[in-house]
Every structure is written in structure tokens, then in C-alpha cells.
Protein backbone atom coordinates (compact mmCIF):
# COMPACT_ATOMS: atom_id res chain seq x y z
CA MET A 1 1.28 -3.64 -26.88
CA LYS A 2 2.82 -5.61 -23.76
CA SER A 3 3.96 -2.62 -22.20
CA LYS A 4 0.24 -1.32 -22.05
CA ALA A 5 -1.06 -4.51 -20.56
CA THR A 6 1.73 -4.53 -17.98
CA PHE A 7 0.73 -0.73 -17.15
CA VAL A 8 -3.16 -1.98 -17.05
CA ILE A 9 -2.47 -4.81 -14.59
CA VAL A 10 -0.19 -2.63 -12.27
CA LEU A 11 -3.10 0.06 -12.19
CA MET A 12 -5.26 -2.58 -11.21
CA VAL A 13 -3.31 -3.89 -8.27
CA ILE A 14 -2.91 -0.55 -7.31
CA MET A 15 -6.54 0.16 -7.19
CA VAL A 16 -7.06 -2.97 -4.99
CA MET A 17 -4.74 -2.11 -2.57
CA VAL A 18 -5.99 1.28 -1.92
CA SER A 19 -9.64 -0.26 -1.92
CA LEU A 20 -8.36 -2.54 1.13
CA CYS A 21 -7.25 0.48 3.03
CA GLU A 22 -10.59 2.69 3.43
CA GLY A 23 -12.92 3.69 6.12
CA THR A 24 -11.19 3.83 9.37
CA CYS A 25 -7.87 2.47 7.90
CA GLU A 26 -4.65 4.48 7.25
CA TRP A 27 -1.48 3.52 5.69
CA TYR A 28 1.83 3.51 7.71
CA GLY A 29 5.13 3.70 6.58
CA THR A 30 7.25 6.34 4.86
CA THR A 31 9.00 5.95 1.57
CA PRO A 32 11.89 5.34 0.66
CA TYR A 33 12.47 3.12 3.77
CA CYS A 34 8.94 1.99 4.66
CA GLU A 35 9.04 -0.30 7.76
CA GLY A 36 5.37 0.20 8.47
CA THR A 37 4.26 -0.84 11.52
CA CYS A 38 0.69 -0.74 13.09
CA PRO A 39 -0.07 1.54 16.19
CA SER A 40 -1.34 -0.29 19.51
CA GLY A 41 -5.09 -1.04 19.02
CA TYR A 42 -4.98 -1.31 15.20
CA TYR A 43 -4.81 -4.41 13.19
CA ARG A 44 -2.92 -4.76 9.94
CA SER A 45 -5.37 -4.98 6.73
CA ALA A 46 -3.00 -5.35 4.03
CA ALA A 47 0.64 -4.53 3.06
CA THR A 48 2.31 -3.07 -0.03
CA GLN A 49 5.67 -1.58 -1.50
CA CYS A 50 3.23 1.25 -2.69
CA SER A 51 0.28 2.57 -1.83
CA GLY A 52 -1.03 4.27 -4.69
CA TYR A 53 -0.75 7.59 -2.92
CA SER A 54 3.42 7.90 -3.05
CA PRO A 55 6.34 6.34 -4.48
CA GLY A 56 7.15 2.87 -3.94
CA CYS A 57 9.59 1.37 -1.09
CA TRP A 58 12.94 0.89 -1.41
CA THR A 59 12.89 -1.25 1.54
CA GLY A 60 10.24 -2.64 3.62
CA SER A 61 6.69 -2.09 3.01
CA LYS A 62 3.82 0.26 3.74
CA VAL A 63 0.76 -1.55 6.00
CA CYS A 64 -2.83 -0.66 5.94
CA CYS A 65 -3.90 -0.38 9.67
CA CYS A 66 -7.55 -0.65 10.78
CA THR A 67 -9.24 0.05 13.93
């Protein structure tokens, strides 16, 4: 039962992180060594070790950058 609750919590966190990066925003950083940075003219909206679209980072993090 505990593992099911943990799965639900992790899924919810991923959904929130994905929702923070919508519209004119994109994720930067490539697994497994993410080290994401925003291009010039973009601002950092969020950061995570997993974006919900690909496996997690071994080091660094992916960043959500918006215009």
C-alpha cells in the first residue's frame, strides 16, 4: 500500500512540474547529465531532475525556460 501512495505522490509532482512549463516554455537539459541552462532572452520558470517526458538526470537538472 505504501508503494502505491508513493507512486501517486511522484506522479502528482511530475504533473505539477510539467504544468509549470507550458505555453511559450521549453525544457532544456539532456539526460543523463542534464546541466540545463536557459538561452539568452529566456527566463527560468522551474527546474527538476525529471521533466516527465524522459528519464531523470544523473547529475544537474533540467530547466524550464520561457520567453
